[in-house]
Amino acid sequence: MATEAKKSRKILYVSLLAYLVCLLAMFPINIAYKLFSPKNLPVEVMAVSGTVWNGELVFKHIMSGQVRLNWQLSPLNLLLGKVSSEVSFKGTQLDGKGALSIGFISGDIELSHATAYINSALINQPLRAQKITVQGDVELNDTNVVFNWRDKKTSMARGRLIWMGGDVKYPKGRKSKHANLPMLVADLSEENGELKAQVNTTEGLGVAYANLKTDGWGSVAVQKRMVDLLGEPWSNKASPDSSIFELSEKLF
């Protein structure tokens, strides 16, 4: 009798565990959203559907317009102490997909096989304050980045960001000037824990570079070759590869 009672308890425990797992796996995301009822979000949530593990969120932002975000979580990776999900998003001005993983034990945030398309209309919105407009869309190709939020170090970075080129309008004094720039390519890399991006022409000639340091400072430097492409006058003593302007800001 005791053996049968133990077997019955085991079956009951397994049944309860299976029920809880199924309940969690099929738990509607819209109910979870209403339970937590997040406030002061940077976007306006239009709709949520699906489950916690496989769901969809439709949101609206003043810059991007309406965007549809889909995700598919991996329950098995939770046993390894991390959240992993296949993510895709689509809007009128942007479109992309990739895999995102957050390790609670390791502290790593990993972006894998990320691809994206960004329309120039979206790029121009933050540039309007500087009275700058650009033509040409941007593509992100098969990008992989591993960043640790604890030590603020990048352990791996590989990918390419491509601007298709086109007309650029920018202020000069009280007037506006135009220039037609060629396609530019930004290659991502990692060095001593820093995330770096070198911007080149399609011929491999550098025009700008940027980096994110482990102390939270990010910087962007423009090389003289960029000024030459714009057709602006500059001292002939400076080489095309020399940095003529640099902007740094504390990001975190």
Protein backbone atom coordinates (compact mmCIF):
# COMPACT_ATOMS: atom_id res chain seq x y z
CA MET A 1 0.00 0.00 0.00
CA ALA A 2 2.83 2.41 0.88
CA THR A 3 4.49 1.80 -2.49
CA GLU A 4 1.24 2.47 -4.31
CA ALA A 5 0.73 5.67 -2.29
CA LYS A 6 4.22 6.89 -3.26
CA LYS A 7 3.53 6.13 -6.90
CA SER A 8 0.23 8.00 -6.71
CA ARG A 9 1.97 11.04 -5.17
CA LYS A 10 4.64 10.99 -7.89
CA ILE A 11 1.99 10.82 -10.60
CA LEU A 12 0.16 13.71 -8.92
CA TYR A 13 3.34 15.84 -8.70
CA VAL A 14 4.25 15.13 -12.31
CA SER A 15 0.70 15.92 -13.42
CA LEU A 16 0.72 19.20 -11.50
CA LEU A 17 4.14 20.13 -12.93
CA ALA A 18 2.99 19.29 -16.44
CA TYR A 19 -0.14 21.36 -15.91
CA LEU A 20 1.84 24.37 -14.67
CA VAL A 21 4.29 24.14 -17.57
CA CYS A 22 1.44 23.93 -20.10
CA LEU A 23 -0.37 26.79 -18.37
CA LEU A 24 2.73 28.96 -18.51
CA ALA A 25 3.50 28.00 -22.10
CA MET A 26 -0.03 28.82 -23.25
CA PHE A 27 -0.55 31.84 -20.98
CA PRO A 28 -2.01 34.66 -23.11
CA ILE A 29 0.33 37.63 -23.37
CA ASN A 30 -2.55 40.12 -23.32
CA ILE A 31 -3.57 38.90 -19.84
CA ALA A 32 0.04 39.15 -18.65
CA TYR A 33 0.22 42.69 -20.04
CA LYS A 34 -2.95 43.70 -18.21
CA LEU A 35 -1.67 42.15 -14.96
CA PHE A 36 1.60 44.09 -15.01
CA SER A 37 0.05 47.17 -16.67
CA PRO A 38 3.39 48.91 -17.42
CA LYS A 39 3.37 52.70 -17.22
CA ASN A 40 5.43 55.48 -18.83
CA LEU A 41 6.48 53.35 -21.80
CA PRO A 42 8.44 55.13 -24.56
CA VAL A 43 5.93 53.77 -27.11
CA GLU A 44 2.16 53.55 -27.39
CA VAL A 45 1.05 49.91 -27.22
CA MET A 46 -1.70 49.31 -29.77
CA ALA A 47 -2.27 45.55 -29.36
CA VAL A 48 -0.77 42.39 -27.83
CA SER A 49 -1.60 38.84 -28.87
CA GLY A 50 -0.32 35.27 -28.69
CA THR A 51 1.34 33.71 -25.67
CA VAL A 52 4.24 34.60 -23.41
CA TRP A 53 6.46 32.26 -25.43
CA ASN A 54 5.21 33.07 -28.90
CA GLY A 55 3.64 36.50 -29.11
CA GLU A 56 3.13 39.69 -31.04
CA LEU A 57 3.17 43.33 -29.98
CA VAL A 58 1.98 46.23 -32.10
CA PHE A 59 3.25 49.62 -30.94
CA LYS A 60 3.45 53.16 -32.23
CA HIS A 61 6.21 55.74 -31.86
CA ILE A 62 6.40 59.31 -33.12
CA MET A 63 9.57 58.50 -35.09
CA SER A 64 8.97 54.99 -36.41
CA GLY A 65 5.19 55.03 -36.78
CA GLN A 66 3.40 51.71 -36.22
CA VAL A 67 5.65 48.67 -35.81
CA ARG A 68 4.74 44.99 -35.44
CA LEU A 69 7.09 43.03 -33.15
CA ASN A 70 7.09 39.22 -32.97
CA TRP A 71 9.07 36.97 -30.65
CA GLN A 72 9.51 33.27 -29.97
CA LEU A 73 11.14 32.40 -26.65
CA SER A 74 13.17 29.24 -26.03
CA PRO A 75 11.95 27.60 -22.76
CA LEU A 76 14.96 25.22 -22.58
CA ASN A 77 17.44 28.10 -22.31
CA LEU A 78 15.75 29.23 -19.11
CA LEU A 79 17.30 26.17 -17.47
CA LEU A 80 20.72 27.60 -18.44
CA GLY A 81 19.96 30.91 -16.77
CA LYS A 82 19.24 32.97 -19.87
CA VAL A 83 16.37 34.23 -21.96
CA SER A 84 16.72 33.55 -25.70
CA SER A 85 14.30 34.61 -28.38
CA GLU A 86 13.93 34.86 -32.12
CA VAL A 87 12.76 38.41 -32.81
CA SER A 88 11.39 40.13 -35.90
CA PHE A 89 9.90 43.58 -36.43
CA LYS A 90 8.24 45.28 -39.35
CA GLY A 91 6.97 48.80 -39.98
CA THR A 92 6.56 51.22 -42.84
CA GLN A 93 10.09 52.59 -42.32
CA LEU A 94 12.00 49.64 -40.90
CA ASP A 95 12.16 45.88 -41.12
CA GLY A 96 14.45 43.39 -39.40
CA LYS A 97 15.02 40.12 -37.59
CA GLY A 98 17.58 38.31 -35.45
CA ALA A 99 18.15 36.35 -32.25
CA LEU A 100 18.47 38.03 -28.85
CA SER A 101 19.84 36.33 -25.73
CA ILE A 102 20.21 37.75 -22.19
CA GLY A 103 22.26 35.73 -19.69
CA PHE A 104 21.35 36.41 -16.07
CA ILE A 105 24.34 34.41 -14.80
CA SER A 106 26.96 35.45 -17.36
CA GLY A 107 25.73 39.01 -17.81
CA ASP A 108 26.03 38.72 -21.59
CA ILE A 109 23.62 40.36 -24.01
CA GLU A 110 24.02 38.60 -27.35
CA LEU A 111 22.63 39.70 -30.69
CA SER A 112 22.99 37.06 -33.39
CA HIS A 113 22.47 37.05 -37.16
CA ALA A 114 20.71 40.41 -37.06
CA THR A 115 19.58 41.94 -40.34
CA ALA A 116 17.61 45.14 -40.76
CA TYR A 117 16.46 47.73 -43.26
CA ILE A 118 15.93 51.37 -42.26
CA ASN A 119 14.26 53.89 -44.55
CA SER A 120 15.92 57.28 -44.98
CA ALA A 121 12.72 58.99 -43.76
CA LEU A 122 13.31 57.46 -40.32
CA ILE A 123 17.00 58.42 -40.36
CA ASN A 124 16.16 62.04 -41.14
CA GLN A 125 13.86 62.56 -38.17
CA PRO A 126 16.61 62.91 -35.51
CA LEU A 127 18.78 64.86 -38.02
CA ARG A 128 16.24 67.61 -38.58
CA ALA A 129 17.26 69.38 -35.37
CA GLN A 130 20.72 69.79 -36.93
CA LYS A 131 19.16 70.94 -40.24
CA ILE A 132 20.59 67.88 -41.99
CA THR A 133 18.76 65.62 -44.43
CA VAL A 134 20.05 62.59 -46.29
CA GLN A 135 18.84 60.35 -49.07
CA GLY A 136 19.66 56.67 -49.20
CA ASP A 137 18.47 53.84 -46.98
CA VAL A 138 20.51 51.82 -44.49
CA GLU A 139 20.95 48.05 -44.30
CA LEU A 140 22.35 45.94 -41.46
CA ASN A 141 23.85 42.65 -42.66
CA ASP A 142 24.32 39.47 -40.57
CA THR A 143 25.52 41.26 -37.44
CA ASN A 144 26.67 39.49 -34.26
CA VAL A 145 27.51 41.35 -31.03
CA VAL A 146 28.15 40.08 -27.50
CA PHE A 147 28.14 42.77 -24.80
CA ASN A 148 28.39 42.21 -21.03
CA TRP A 149 26.30 44.64 -19.00
CA ARG A 150 28.31 44.01 -15.82
CA ASP A 151 31.83 44.83 -16.96
CA LYS A 152 30.60 46.95 -19.94
CA LYS A 153 32.89 45.00 -22.29
CA THR A 154 32.24 43.79 -25.82
CA SER A 155 33.67 40.31 -26.26
CA MET A 156 32.68 39.87 -29.90
CA ALA A 157 31.46 42.11 -32.73
CA ARG A 158 31.08 41.28 -36.38
CA GLY A 159 28.78 42.78 -38.96
CA ARG A 160 28.28 45.45 -41.56
CA LEU A 161 26.10 48.55 -41.82
CA ILE A 162 25.62 49.92 -45.34
CA TRP A 163 24.35 53.38 -46.33
CA MET A 164 23.29 53.36 -49.96
CA GLY A 165 24.54 56.86 -50.66
CA GLY A 166 22.75 59.84 -52.16
CA ASP A 167 22.15 63.55 -51.76
CA VAL A 168 23.07 65.15 -48.44
CA LYS A 169 21.84 68.59 -47.34
CA TYR A 170 23.66 70.29 -44.48
CA PRO A 171 23.99 73.82 -43.02
CA LYS A 172 27.00 76.03 -43.65
CA GLY A 173 26.71 79.35 -41.94
CA ARG A 174 23.31 80.81 -42.79
CA LYS A 175 23.04 78.80 -46.00
CA SER A 176 22.36 75.18 -46.89
CA LYS A 177 24.65 73.13 -49.09
CA HIS A 178 24.18 69.92 -51.05
CA ALA A 179 26.58 67.11 -51.85
CA ASN A 180 26.16 63.73 -53.46
CA LEU A 181 27.98 61.07 -51.48
CA PRO A 182 28.82 57.52 -52.59
CA MET A 183 27.84 54.34 -50.77
CA LEU A 184 29.49 54.07 -47.34
CA VAL A 185 30.13 50.88 -45.36
CA ALA A 186 30.60 50.57 -41.58
CA ASP A 187 32.32 47.38 -40.38
CA LEU A 188 31.92 46.39 -36.72
CA SER A 189 34.77 44.92 -34.69
CA GLU A 190 35.98 44.43 -31.11
CA GLU A 191 39.32 45.42 -29.59
CA ASN A 192 40.27 45.26 -25.89
CA GLY A 193 36.62 45.07 -24.89
CA GLU A 194 35.63 48.10 -26.98
CA LEU A 195 32.98 48.07 -29.71
CA LYS A 196 34.33 49.75 -32.84
CA ALA A 197 32.95 50.78 -36.21
CA GLN A 198 35.08 51.92 -39.15
CA VAL A 199 33.25 53.72 -41.94
CA ASN A 200 34.80 53.34 -45.39
CA THR A 201 33.99 53.97 -49.01
CA THR A 202 33.41 50.90 -51.18
CA GLU A 203 37.08 51.23 -52.17
CA GLY A 204 38.09 50.73 -48.51
CA LEU A 205 39.07 54.36 -47.83
CA GLY A 206 38.25 55.56 -44.32
CA VAL A 207 35.90 58.52 -43.80
CA ALA A 208 34.90 58.15 -40.12
CA TYR A 209 35.12 55.84 -37.13
CA ALA A 210 33.33 55.33 -33.82
CA ASN A 211 33.84 53.35 -30.63
CA LEU A 212 32.13 52.47 -27.36
CA LYS A 213 34.57 52.24 -24.45
CA THR A 214 34.22 50.12 -21.32
CA ASP A 215 33.81 53.27 -19.18
CA GLY A 216 30.56 54.09 -21.01
CA TRP A 217 31.96 56.83 -23.25
CA GLY A 218 31.10 56.74 -26.94
CA SER A 219 32.87 58.79 -29.58
CA VAL A 220 32.57 59.53 -33.29
CA ALA A 221 35.44 60.97 -35.35
CA VAL A 222 35.25 62.36 -38.88
CA GLN A 223 38.27 62.03 -41.14
CA LYS A 224 39.39 64.62 -43.69
CA ARG A 225 38.39 62.32 -46.55
CA MET A 226 34.74 62.93 -45.63
CA VAL A 227 35.26 66.67 -46.08
CA ASP A 228 36.88 65.97 -49.44
CA LEU A 229 33.83 63.94 -50.50
CA LEU A 230 31.59 66.87 -49.52
CA GLY A 231 33.72 69.16 -51.64
CA GLU A 232 34.53 71.48 -48.74
CA PRO A 233 37.89 73.29 -48.56
CA TRP A 234 40.41 72.18 -45.90
CA SER A 235 44.08 72.59 -45.18
CA ASN A 236 46.25 70.55 -47.55
CA LYS A 237 48.58 69.83 -44.63
CA ALA A 238 46.08 67.35 -43.20
CA SER A 239 46.21 63.86 -44.68
CA PRO A 240 42.95 62.26 -45.92
CA ASP A 241 43.08 59.74 -43.02
CA SER A 242 43.59 62.33 -40.26
CA SER A 243 40.77 63.04 -37.79
CA ILE A 244 39.52 66.62 -38.08
CA PHE A 245 36.45 66.48 -35.82
CA GLU A 246 35.50 64.30 -32.85
CA LEU A 247 32.42 64.14 -30.66
CA SER A 248 32.30 62.20 -27.36
CA GLU A 249 29.39 61.56 -25.03
CA LYS A 250 28.77 59.54 -21.87
CA LEU A 251 26.25 56.86 -22.85
CA PHE A 252 26.02 54.85 -19.59
